[in-house]
Amino acid sequence: MTDHELLLAISDIVEKKINAAVGPVEINMKMMEGSIRQDMKEMEAGIRQDMKEMEAGIRQDMKTMEAGIRQDMKTMEAGIRQDMKEMEAGIRQDMKEMEAGIRRDMSVLDDRITGLDHRVTDLNDQVLKLSDRVLNVELHLEQVTDPKIEWLAENYLPAAKRYEKATEKIEAVASDVDVLKSVVREHSEKLQMIS
């Protein structure tokens, strides 16, 4: 036998053994699949029953809670109504007291306004007197002070021009005096050297 024939023979033998081993496994898997399907149907039925029982319990609990909440709300509403009535009475009392206080304050303000009216009248009298004094000051400025200022201005301008011209001369004289000082200083030094 050749190598190739030998390999074919070994291959046939291995294939027969695998088919013999796989067949029972496939049968086992089909049986297990059926059993698993049956178990799943039973579990699903049990879960559905449990869910129905839980739903009924939850519905009952919700009805009980709703009744309790309604009762609590009625109790709270009655308490709130009572509190509001008490607050309203307190607010009314506070408003009456505030109104009385405002009336007292208004009376005091009226008295103060009357006092202010008197002060304003006094101020008006003082303003009139002040206006008379301002008028007198304006007249004095116009008739006495303004002419004197004009006279000063008329005399100041020519004097200022004279001083301006004299400034140049004064600067020249100052320069000459500086020169004379330096000459005298030199001569004094020479005389001292001679003597």
N, C-alpha and C. Protein backbone atom coordinates (compact mmCIF):
# COMPACT_ATOMS: atom_id res chain seq x y z
N MET A 1 0.83 -1.17 0.00
CA MET A 1 0.00 0.00 0.00
C MET A 1 0.88 1.24 0.00
N THR A 2 0.34 2.20 -0.71
CA THR A 2 1.08 3.43 -0.81
C THR A 2 0.68 4.35 0.33
N ASP A 3 1.50 5.40 0.48
CA ASP A 3 1.22 6.36 1.55
C ASP A 3 -0.14 7.00 1.36
N HIS A 4 -0.43 7.28 0.15
CA HIS A 4 -1.69 7.95 -0.15
C HIS A 4 -2.87 7.04 0.18
N GLU A 5 -2.78 5.77 -0.16
CA GLU A 5 -3.85 4.82 0.12
C GLU A 5 -3.99 4.64 1.62
N LEU A 6 -2.84 4.62 2.30
CA LEU A 6 -2.83 4.46 3.75
C LEU A 6 -3.53 5.63 4.42
N LEU A 7 -3.24 6.82 3.94
CA LEU A 7 -3.88 8.02 4.51
C LEU A 7 -5.38 7.98 4.27
N LEU A 8 -5.83 7.56 3.11
CA LEU A 8 -7.26 7.45 2.82
C LEU A 8 -7.93 6.45 3.75
N ALA A 9 -7.27 5.36 4.00
CA ALA A 9 -7.84 4.32 4.86
C ALA A 9 -7.97 4.85 6.28
N ILE A 10 -6.91 5.57 6.76
CA ILE A 10 -6.94 6.12 8.13
C ILE A 10 -8.04 7.17 8.21
N SER A 11 -8.17 7.96 7.16
CA SER A 11 -9.18 8.99 7.14
C SER A 11 -10.57 8.40 7.21
N ASP A 12 -10.84 7.30 6.54
CA ASP A 12 -12.16 6.64 6.57
C ASP A 12 -12.44 6.12 7.97
N ILE A 13 -11.43 5.53 8.61
CA ILE A 13 -11.62 4.94 9.93
C ILE A 13 -11.95 6.07 10.94
N VAL A 14 -11.20 7.20 10.88
CA VAL A 14 -11.44 8.30 11.81
C VAL A 14 -12.82 8.87 11.60
N GLU A 15 -13.26 8.98 10.34
CA GLU A 15 -14.58 9.55 10.03
C GLU A 15 -15.69 8.70 10.61
N LYS A 16 -15.55 7.38 10.53
CA LYS A 16 -16.57 6.45 11.05
C LYS A 16 -16.65 6.59 12.55
N LYS A 17 -15.48 6.71 13.21
CA LYS A 17 -15.47 6.79 14.67
C LYS A 17 -16.11 8.11 15.13
N ILE A 18 -15.82 9.24 14.39
CA ILE A 18 -16.39 10.55 14.75
C ILE A 18 -17.89 10.52 14.58
N ASN A 19 -18.38 9.94 13.46
CA ASN A 19 -19.82 9.87 13.20
C ASN A 19 -20.49 9.04 14.29
N ALA A 20 -19.84 7.96 14.73
CA ALA A 20 -20.41 7.10 15.75
C ALA A 20 -20.50 7.86 17.08
N ALA A 21 -19.50 8.74 17.39
CA ALA A 21 -19.49 9.47 18.64
C ALA A 21 -20.43 10.68 18.58
N VAL A 22 -20.55 11.35 17.43
CA VAL A 22 -21.36 12.55 17.32
C VAL A 22 -22.84 12.22 17.32
N GLY A 23 -23.24 11.18 16.76
CA GLY A 23 -24.66 10.82 16.67
C GLY A 23 -25.33 10.81 18.03
N PRO A 24 -24.82 10.09 19.04
CA PRO A 24 -25.45 10.07 20.34
C PRO A 24 -25.46 11.46 21.00
N VAL A 25 -24.40 12.30 20.72
CA VAL A 25 -24.35 13.63 21.32
C VAL A 25 -25.48 14.47 20.76
N GLU A 26 -25.73 14.38 19.45
CA GLU A 26 -26.83 15.14 18.84
C GLU A 26 -28.17 14.72 19.42
N ILE A 27 -28.35 13.47 19.63
CA ILE A 27 -29.61 12.96 20.20
C ILE A 27 -29.75 13.50 21.62
N ASN A 28 -28.64 13.49 22.39
CA ASN A 28 -28.66 13.99 23.76
C ASN A 28 -29.03 15.47 23.79
N MET A 29 -28.46 16.24 22.84
CA MET A 29 -28.73 17.68 22.79
C MET A 29 -30.18 17.95 22.46
N LYS A 30 -30.77 17.17 21.58
CA LYS A 30 -32.18 17.36 21.22
C LYS A 30 -33.07 17.05 22.41
N MET A 31 -32.71 16.07 23.20
CA MET A 31 -33.51 15.72 24.39
C MET A 31 -33.39 16.83 25.44
N MET A 32 -32.16 17.33 25.60
CA MET A 32 -31.96 18.40 26.58
C MET A 32 -32.70 19.67 26.17
N GLU A 33 -32.71 19.96 24.88
CA GLU A 33 -33.41 21.15 24.37
C GLU A 33 -34.89 21.07 24.70
N GLY A 34 -35.48 19.94 24.52
CA GLY A 34 -36.91 19.76 24.85
C GLY A 34 -37.15 19.96 26.33
N SER A 35 -36.27 19.42 27.16
CA SER A 35 -36.41 19.54 28.61
C SER A 35 -36.28 21.01 29.04
N ILE A 36 -35.29 21.72 28.41
CA ILE A 36 -35.08 23.13 28.75
C ILE A 36 -36.29 23.95 28.35
N ARG A 37 -36.86 23.67 27.17
CA ARG A 37 -38.06 24.40 26.73
C ARG A 37 -39.19 24.20 27.72
N GLN A 38 -39.35 22.97 28.20
CA GLN A 38 -40.43 22.67 29.15
C GLN A 38 -40.21 23.44 30.45
N ASP A 39 -38.94 23.47 30.94
CA ASP A 39 -38.62 24.18 32.19
C ASP A 39 -38.90 25.68 32.04
N MET A 40 -38.55 26.24 30.86
CA MET A 40 -38.76 27.67 30.63
C MET A 40 -40.25 28.01 30.61
N LYS A 41 -41.08 27.14 30.03
CA LYS A 41 -42.53 27.38 30.00
C LYS A 41 -43.09 27.37 31.42
N GLU A 42 -42.61 26.45 32.25
CA GLU A 42 -43.09 26.35 33.63
C GLU A 42 -42.66 27.61 34.42
N MET A 43 -41.39 28.05 34.21
CA MET A 43 -40.91 29.24 34.90
C MET A 43 -41.71 30.48 34.48
N GLU A 44 -41.99 30.59 33.17
CA GLU A 44 -42.75 31.74 32.66
C GLU A 44 -44.13 31.77 33.28
N ALA A 45 -44.78 30.61 33.38
CA ALA A 45 -46.13 30.54 33.98
C ALA A 45 -46.06 30.98 35.44
N GLY A 46 -45.01 30.53 36.18
CA GLY A 46 -44.86 30.90 37.58
C GLY A 46 -44.63 32.40 37.75
N ILE A 47 -43.78 32.95 36.86
CA ILE A 47 -43.49 34.40 36.94
C ILE A 47 -44.75 35.20 36.65
N ARG A 48 -45.53 34.77 35.65
CA ARG A 48 -46.79 35.48 35.33
C ARG A 48 -47.73 35.46 36.53
N GLN A 49 -47.82 34.33 37.19
CA GLN A 49 -48.71 34.22 38.36
C GLN A 49 -48.22 35.15 39.47
N ASP A 50 -46.88 35.16 39.72
CA ASP A 50 -46.32 36.02 40.77
C ASP A 50 -46.59 37.49 40.45
N MET A 51 -46.44 37.87 39.17
CA MET A 51 -46.67 39.26 38.78
C MET A 51 -48.13 39.66 38.99
N LYS A 52 -49.07 38.76 38.68
CA LYS A 52 -50.49 39.07 38.90
C LYS A 52 -50.76 39.29 40.39
N GLU A 53 -50.17 38.42 41.24
CA GLU A 53 -50.38 38.56 42.68
C GLU A 53 -49.77 39.87 43.19
N MET A 54 -48.54 40.22 42.69
CA MET A 54 -47.90 41.47 43.11
C MET A 54 -48.71 42.68 42.66
N GLU A 55 -49.25 42.63 41.44
CA GLU A 55 -50.06 43.74 40.92
C GLU A 55 -51.29 43.96 41.78
N ALA A 56 -51.94 42.87 42.17
CA ALA A 56 -53.13 42.99 43.01
C ALA A 56 -52.75 43.62 44.36
N GLY A 57 -51.61 43.19 44.94
CA GLY A 57 -51.16 43.74 46.22
C GLY A 57 -50.83 45.22 46.10
N ILE A 58 -50.14 45.60 45.01
CA ILE A 58 -49.77 47.00 44.81
C ILE A 58 -51.01 47.85 44.65
N ARG A 59 -51.99 47.35 43.90
CA ARG A 59 -53.24 48.10 43.72
C ARG A 59 -53.91 48.35 45.08
N GLN A 60 -53.93 47.32 45.91
CA GLN A 60 -54.56 47.45 47.23
C GLN A 60 -53.79 48.47 48.08
N ASP A 61 -52.45 48.38 48.05
CA ASP A 61 -51.63 49.32 48.82
C ASP A 61 -51.86 50.75 48.35
N MET A 62 -51.96 50.95 47.03
CA MET A 62 -52.17 52.29 46.48
C MET A 62 -53.53 52.83 46.92
N LYS A 63 -54.57 51.99 46.94
CA LYS A 63 -55.89 52.45 47.39
C LYS A 63 -55.83 52.87 48.85
N THR A 64 -55.12 52.09 49.66
CA THR A 64 -55.00 52.41 51.08
C THR A 64 -54.25 53.74 51.26
N MET A 65 -53.14 53.90 50.52
CA MET A 65 -52.35 55.14 50.61
C MET A 65 -53.17 56.33 50.14
N GLU A 66 -53.95 56.17 49.07
CA GLU A 66 -54.75 57.26 48.54
C GLU A 66 -55.77 57.72 49.57
N ALA A 67 -56.40 56.75 50.23
CA ALA A 67 -57.39 57.11 51.26
C ALA A 67 -56.71 57.87 52.40
N GLY A 68 -55.51 57.43 52.80
CA GLY A 68 -54.78 58.11 53.88
C GLY A 68 -54.38 59.52 53.47
N ILE A 69 -53.91 59.65 52.22
CA ILE A 69 -53.50 60.98 51.74
C ILE A 69 -54.69 61.92 51.69
N ARG A 70 -55.83 61.42 51.22
CA ARG A 70 -57.03 62.26 51.17
C ARG A 70 -57.40 62.74 52.57
N GLN A 71 -57.32 61.83 53.55
CA GLN A 71 -57.66 62.21 54.92
C GLN A 71 -56.67 63.25 55.45
N ASP A 72 -55.38 63.02 55.17
CA ASP A 72 -54.36 63.98 55.61
C ASP A 72 -54.59 65.35 54.97
N MET A 73 -54.94 65.37 53.70
CA MET A 73 -55.17 66.63 53.00
C MET A 73 -56.36 67.37 53.60
N LYS A 74 -57.41 66.63 53.96
CA LYS A 74 -58.58 67.29 54.58
C LYS A 74 -58.18 67.90 55.92
N THR A 75 -57.39 67.16 56.68
CA THR A 75 -56.95 67.66 57.98
C THR A 75 -56.07 68.91 57.80
N MET A 76 -55.15 68.84 56.84
CA MET A 76 -54.27 70.00 56.58
C MET A 76 -55.07 71.20 56.11
N GLU A 77 -56.07 70.97 55.26
CA GLU A 77 -56.90 72.06 54.74
C GLU A 77 -57.63 72.76 55.87
N ALA A 78 -58.18 71.96 56.78
CA ALA A 78 -58.89 72.56 57.92
C ALA A 78 -57.92 73.39 58.78
N GLY A 79 -56.71 72.86 59.00
CA GLY A 79 -55.72 73.60 59.79
C GLY A 79 -55.30 74.90 59.09
N ILE A 80 -55.10 74.82 57.77
CA ILE A 80 -54.70 76.00 57.01
C ILE A 80 -55.79 77.06 57.06
N ARG A 81 -57.05 76.62 56.92
CA ARG A 81 -58.16 77.58 56.99
C ARG A 81 -58.18 78.28 58.35
N GLN A 82 -57.97 77.51 59.41
CA GLN A 82 -57.97 78.10 60.76
C GLN A 82 -56.81 79.09 60.90
N ASP A 83 -55.63 78.68 60.42
CA ASP A 83 -54.46 79.57 60.49
C ASP A 83 -54.71 80.85 59.71
N MET A 84 -55.33 80.75 58.54
CA MET A 84 -55.59 81.93 57.72
C MET A 84 -56.56 82.88 58.42
N LYS A 85 -57.57 82.31 59.09
CA LYS A 85 -58.52 83.16 59.83
C LYS A 85 -57.79 83.92 60.94
N GLU A 86 -56.90 83.22 61.65
CA GLU A 86 -56.16 83.86 62.74
C GLU A 86 -55.22 84.94 62.18
N MET A 87 -54.56 84.63 61.07
CA MET A 87 -53.67 85.62 60.45
C MET A 87 -54.45 86.84 59.98
N GLU A 88 -55.62 86.61 59.40
CA GLU A 88 -56.45 87.71 58.92
C GLU A 88 -56.84 88.63 60.07
N ALA A 89 -57.23 88.02 61.20
CA ALA A 89 -57.60 88.83 62.36
C ALA A 89 -56.39 89.65 62.84
N GLY A 90 -55.22 89.01 62.88
CA GLY A 90 -54.01 89.72 63.30
C GLY A 90 -53.66 90.86 62.35
N ILE A 91 -53.80 90.60 61.05
CA ILE A 91 -53.48 91.62 60.06
C ILE A 91 -54.44 92.80 60.19
N ARG A 92 -55.71 92.49 60.38
CA ARG A 92 -56.69 93.58 60.56
C ARG A 92 -56.33 94.45 61.77
N GLN A 93 -55.94 93.79 62.86
CA GLN A 93 -55.56 94.53 64.07
C GLN A 93 -54.33 95.39 63.81
N ASP A 94 -53.33 94.80 63.13
CA ASP A 94 -52.11 95.55 62.80
C ASP A 94 -52.43 96.75 61.92
N MET A 95 -53.32 96.56 60.97
CA MET A 95 -53.68 97.66 60.07
C MET A 95 -54.36 98.79 60.84
N LYS A 96 -55.22 98.43 61.80
CA LYS A 96 -55.87 99.47 62.60
C LYS A 96 -54.84 100.26 63.40
N GLU A 97 -53.87 99.55 63.98
CA GLU A 97 -52.83 100.22 64.76
C GLU A 97 -51.96 101.11 63.86
N MET A 98 -51.64 100.60 62.66
CA MET A 98 -50.84 101.39 61.72
C MET A 98 -51.61 102.65 61.29
N GLU A 99 -52.90 102.50 61.07
CA GLU A 99 -53.71 103.64 60.64
C GLU A 99 -53.71 104.72 61.73
N ALA A 100 -53.85 104.27 63.00
CA ALA A 100 -53.84 105.24 64.10
C ALA A 100 -52.47 105.93 64.16
N GLY A 101 -51.39 105.16 63.99
CA GLY A 101 -50.05 105.75 64.01
C GLY A 101 -49.86 106.74 62.86
N ILE A 102 -50.36 106.39 61.70
CA ILE A 102 -50.24 107.27 60.53
C ILE A 102 -51.01 108.57 60.78
N ARG A 103 -52.17 108.45 61.37
CA ARG A 103 -52.95 109.66 61.67
C ARG A 103 -52.18 110.57 62.64
N ARG A 104 -51.55 109.95 63.65
CA ARG A 104 -50.76 110.76 64.60
C ARG A 104 -49.60 111.43 63.87
N ASP A 105 -48.92 110.64 63.01
CA ASP A 105 -47.78 111.19 62.27
C ASP A 105 -48.23 112.33 61.35
N MET A 106 -49.40 112.17 60.74
CA MET A 106 -49.93 113.21 59.85
C MET A 106 -50.18 114.50 60.63
N SER A 107 -50.69 114.35 61.85
CA SER A 107 -50.95 115.53 62.68
C SER A 107 -49.63 116.24 63.00
N VAL A 108 -48.62 115.47 63.33
CA VAL A 108 -47.30 116.05 63.63
C VAL A 108 -46.76 116.74 62.38
N LEU A 109 -46.90 116.09 61.21
CA LEU A 109 -46.43 116.68 59.96
C LEU A 109 -47.16 117.99 59.65
N ASP A 110 -48.46 118.01 59.90
CA ASP A 110 -49.22 119.26 59.69
C ASP A 110 -48.64 120.39 60.54
N ASP A 111 -48.34 120.08 61.81
CA ASP A 111 -47.76 121.10 62.69
C ASP A 111 -46.41 121.56 62.16
N ARG A 112 -45.59 120.61 61.70
CA ARG A 112 -44.26 120.97 61.19
C ARG A 112 -44.38 121.79 59.90
N ILE A 113 -45.35 121.44 59.06
CA ILE A 113 -45.54 122.20 57.81
C ILE A 113 -45.95 123.63 58.12
N THR A 114 -46.81 123.79 59.14
CA THR A 114 -47.21 125.14 59.54
C THR A 114 -45.98 125.92 60.00
N GLY A 115 -45.13 125.26 60.80
CA GLY A 115 -43.90 125.92 61.25
C GLY A 115 -43.00 126.28 60.06
N LEU A 116 -42.92 125.38 59.09
CA LEU A 116 -42.12 125.66 57.89
C LEU A 116 -42.69 126.84 57.10
N ASP A 117 -44.01 126.92 57.04
CA ASP A 117 -44.63 128.05 56.34
C ASP A 117 -44.19 129.38 56.98
N HIS A 118 -44.17 129.41 58.30
CA HIS A 118 -43.75 130.63 58.99
C HIS A 118 -42.28 130.93 58.67
N ARG A 119 -41.45 129.89 58.66
CA ARG A 119 -40.02 130.11 58.37
C ARG A 119 -39.82 130.57 56.94
N VAL A 120 -40.63 130.02 56.01
CA VAL A 120 -40.50 130.43 54.61
C VAL A 120 -40.90 131.89 54.47
N THR A 121 -41.93 132.29 55.20
CA THR A 121 -42.35 133.70 55.16
C THR A 121 -41.21 134.58 55.66
N ASP A 122 -40.57 134.18 56.77
CA ASP A 122 -39.42 134.94 57.30
C ASP A 122 -38.29 134.99 56.27
N LEU A 123 -38.04 133.85 55.61
CA LEU A 123 -36.98 133.82 54.60
C LEU A 123 -37.31 134.75 53.43
N ASN A 124 -38.59 134.77 53.05
CA ASN A 124 -38.99 135.68 51.96
C ASN A 124 -38.71 137.13 52.34
N ASP A 125 -39.03 137.48 53.59
CA ASP A 125 -38.76 138.85 54.05
C ASP A 125 -37.26 139.14 53.98
N GLN A 126 -36.45 138.17 54.41
CA GLN A 126 -35.00 138.36 54.40
C GLN A 126 -34.48 138.46 52.97
N VAL A 127 -35.06 137.69 52.06
CA VAL A 127 -34.64 137.74 50.65
C VAL A 127 -34.96 139.11 50.07
N LEU A 128 -36.11 139.66 50.43
CA LEU A 128 -36.46 141.00 49.94
C LEU A 128 -35.45 142.03 50.44
N LYS A 129 -35.09 141.93 51.73
CA LYS A 129 -34.11 142.86 52.28
C LYS A 129 -32.77 142.68 51.57
N LEU A 130 -32.41 141.42 51.33
CA LEU A 130 -31.15 141.12 50.65
C LEU A 130 -31.16 141.66 49.22
N SER A 131 -32.32 141.55 48.57
CA SER A 131 -32.44 142.08 47.20
C SER A 131 -32.22 143.59 47.20
N ASP A 132 -32.77 144.30 48.22
CA ASP A 132 -32.56 145.74 48.31
C ASP A 132 -31.07 146.05 48.49
N ARG A 133 -30.39 145.26 49.33
CA ARG A 133 -28.96 145.50 49.57
C ARG A 133 -28.16 145.23 48.29
N VAL A 134 -28.51 144.17 47.56
CA VAL A 134 -27.80 143.84 46.32
C VAL A 134 -27.99 144.97 45.32
N LEU A 135 -29.21 145.52 45.27
CA LEU A 135 -29.47 146.63 44.35
C LEU A 135 -28.60 147.82 44.72
N ASN A 136 -28.50 148.11 46.03
CA ASN A 136 -27.65 149.22 46.48
C ASN A 136 -26.18 148.98 46.11
N VAL A 137 -25.72 147.70 46.25
CA VAL A 137 -24.33 147.38 45.90
C VAL A 137 -24.13 147.56 44.40
N GLU A 138 -25.09 147.12 43.59
CA GLU A 138 -24.97 147.27 42.14
C GLU A 138 -24.90 148.75 41.75
N LEU A 139 -25.76 149.55 42.40
CA LEU A 139 -25.73 150.98 42.10
C LEU A 139 -24.38 151.60 42.48
N HIS A 140 -23.86 151.21 43.65
CA HIS A 140 -22.58 151.73 44.09
C HIS A 140 -21.48 151.32 43.11
N LEU A 141 -21.51 150.06 42.67
CA LEU A 141 -20.50 149.60 41.70
C LEU A 141 -20.59 150.41 40.40
N GLU A 142 -21.81 150.62 39.97
CA GLU A 142 -22.01 151.31 38.69
C GLU A 142 -21.63 152.79 38.78
N GLN A 143 -21.99 153.44 39.90
CA GLN A 143 -21.81 154.88 39.99
C GLN A 143 -20.48 155.29 40.60
N VAL A 144 -19.90 154.45 41.47
CA VAL A 144 -18.69 154.87 42.18
C VAL A 144 -17.48 154.03 41.76
N THR A 145 -17.61 152.73 41.88
CA THR A 145 -16.44 151.85 41.69
C THR A 145 -16.02 151.78 40.22
N ASP A 146 -16.97 151.59 39.31
CA ASP A 146 -16.64 151.46 37.89
C ASP A 146 -15.88 152.69 37.36
N PRO A 147 -16.32 153.93 37.67
CA PRO A 147 -15.56 155.08 37.17
C PRO A 147 -14.14 155.12 37.73
N LYS A 148 -13.97 154.74 38.99
CA LYS A 148 -12.62 154.75 39.57
C LYS A 148 -11.74 153.70 38.89
N ILE A 149 -12.32 152.53 38.58
CA ILE A 149 -11.54 151.49 37.89
C ILE A 149 -11.15 151.96 36.51
N GLU A 150 -12.07 152.66 35.83
CA GLU A 150 -11.75 153.18 34.50
C GLU A 150 -10.60 154.18 34.60
N TRP A 151 -10.64 155.08 35.61
CA TRP A 151 -9.57 156.08 35.81
C TRP A 151 -8.23 155.38 36.05
N LEU A 152 -8.26 154.32 36.88
CA LEU A 152 -7.03 153.57 37.14
C LEU A 152 -6.51 152.92 35.87
N ALA A 153 -7.41 152.33 35.08
CA ALA A 153 -7.00 151.66 33.85
C ALA A 153 -6.40 152.67 32.87
N GLU A 154 -7.01 153.86 32.80
CA GLU A 154 -6.51 154.88 31.89
C GLU A 154 -5.11 155.33 32.29
N ASN A 155 -4.84 155.40 33.59
CA ASN A 155 -3.53 155.84 34.06
C ASN A 155 -2.53 154.68 34.08
N TYR A 156 -2.98 153.49 34.27
CA TYR A 156 -2.09 152.35 34.40
C TYR A 156 -1.42 152.02 33.07
N LEU A 157 -2.18 152.03 31.98
CA LEU A 157 -1.65 151.63 30.68
C LEU A 157 -0.45 152.49 30.26
N PRO A 158 -0.56 153.84 30.31
CA PRO A 158 0.63 154.64 29.95
C PRO A 158 1.79 154.40 30.91
N ALA A 159 1.50 154.25 32.18
CA ALA A 159 2.57 154.01 33.16
C ALA A 159 3.22 152.67 32.87
N ALA A 160 2.44 151.68 32.51
CA ALA A 160 2.98 150.35 32.21
C ALA A 160 3.88 150.42 31.00
N LYS A 161 3.49 151.19 29.99
CA LYS A 161 4.33 151.33 28.80
C LYS A 161 5.65 152.03 29.16
N ARG A 162 5.54 153.05 30.04
CA ARG A 162 6.76 153.74 30.47
C ARG A 162 7.69 152.79 31.21
N TYR A 163 7.12 151.97 32.08
CA TYR A 163 7.92 151.03 32.84
C TYR A 163 8.55 149.99 31.91
N GLU A 164 7.81 149.62 30.89
CA GLU A 164 8.32 148.63 29.93
C GLU A 164 9.56 149.20 29.22
N LYS A 165 9.48 150.46 28.79
CA LYS A 165 10.62 151.10 28.13
C LYS A 165 11.78 151.27 29.12
N ALA A 166 11.45 151.63 30.34
CA ALA A 166 12.47 151.84 31.36
C ALA A 166 13.16 150.53 31.71
N THR A 167 12.48 149.40 31.55
CA THR A 167 13.05 148.09 31.88
C THR A 167 14.27 147.84 31.03
N GLU A 168 14.17 148.17 29.75
CA GLU A 168 15.31 147.97 28.85
C GLU A 168 16.49 148.85 29.31
N LYS A 169 16.19 150.09 29.69
CA LYS A 169 17.25 150.99 30.15
C LYS A 169 17.86 150.49 31.45
N ILE A 170 17.00 149.98 32.33
CA ILE A 170 17.48 149.49 33.63
C ILE A 170 18.40 148.30 33.41
N GLU A 171 18.07 147.44 32.47
CA GLU A 171 18.92 146.28 32.18
C GLU A 171 20.27 146.75 31.62
N ALA A 172 20.22 147.78 30.76
CA ALA A 172 21.48 148.30 30.20
C ALA A 172 22.33 148.91 31.31
N VAL A 173 21.71 149.65 32.22
CA VAL A 173 22.43 150.28 33.33
C VAL A 173 23.02 149.19 34.21
N ALA A 174 22.26 148.15 34.47
CA ALA A 174 22.75 147.05 35.31
C ALA A 174 23.97 146.42 34.67
N SER A 175 23.92 146.25 33.36
CA SER A 175 25.06 145.68 32.63
C SER A 175 26.28 146.60 32.76
N ASP A 176 26.05 147.92 32.60
CA ASP A 176 27.15 148.89 32.72
C ASP A 176 27.73 148.87 34.12
N VAL A 177 26.88 148.74 35.13
CA VAL A 177 27.34 148.72 36.52
C VAL A 177 28.21 147.48 36.73
N ASP A 178 27.83 146.35 36.16
CA ASP A 178 28.63 145.13 36.29
C ASP A 178 30.01 145.34 35.68
N VAL A 179 30.04 145.99 34.53
CA VAL A 179 31.33 146.27 33.86
C VAL A 179 32.17 147.20 34.75
N LEU A 180 31.55 148.26 35.28
CA LEU A 180 32.27 149.20 36.16
C LEU A 180 32.82 148.50 37.39
N LYS A 181 32.04 147.59 37.95
CA LYS A 181 32.50 146.86 39.14
C LYS A 181 33.75 146.06 38.81
N SER A 182 33.70 145.39 37.66
CA SER A 182 34.87 144.56 37.31
C SER A 182 36.09 145.45 37.05
N VAL A 183 35.90 146.63 36.41
CA VAL A 183 37.02 147.55 36.13
C VAL A 183 37.57 148.07 37.45
N VAL A 184 36.69 148.47 38.37
CA VAL A 184 37.12 149.01 39.66
C VAL A 184 37.88 147.93 40.41
N ARG A 185 37.41 146.72 40.36
CA ARG A 185 38.08 145.62 41.04
C ARG A 185 39.50 145.44 40.48
N GLU A 186 39.61 145.48 39.16
CA GLU A 186 40.93 145.33 38.53
C GLU A 186 41.86 146.48 38.95
N HIS A 187 41.33 147.69 38.92
CA HIS A 187 42.14 148.86 39.27
C HIS A 187 42.54 148.78 40.74
N SER A 188 41.63 148.33 41.59
CA SER A 188 41.95 148.24 43.03
C SER A 188 43.07 147.24 43.22
N GLU A 189 43.04 146.15 42.51
CA GLU A 189 44.08 145.12 42.64
C GLU A 189 45.44 145.70 42.16
N LYS A 190 45.40 146.43 41.04
CA LYS A 190 46.65 147.01 40.51
C LYS A 190 47.21 148.05 41.47
N LEU A 191 46.29 148.86 42.07
CA LEU A 191 46.74 149.87 43.02
C LEU A 191 47.34 149.22 44.27
N GLN A 192 46.79 148.18 44.68
CA GLN A 192 47.33 147.51 45.86
C GLN A 192 48.67 146.90 45.56
N MET A 193 48.83 146.47 44.35
CA MET A 193 50.12 145.88 43.97
C MET A 193 51.21 146.97 43.92
N ILE A 194 50.78 148.16 43.45
CA ILE A 194 51.72 149.28 43.33
C ILE A 194 52.07 149.77 44.73
N SER A 195 51.20 149.82 45.61
CA SER A 195 51.46 150.42 46.88
C SER A 195 52.16 149.53 47.84
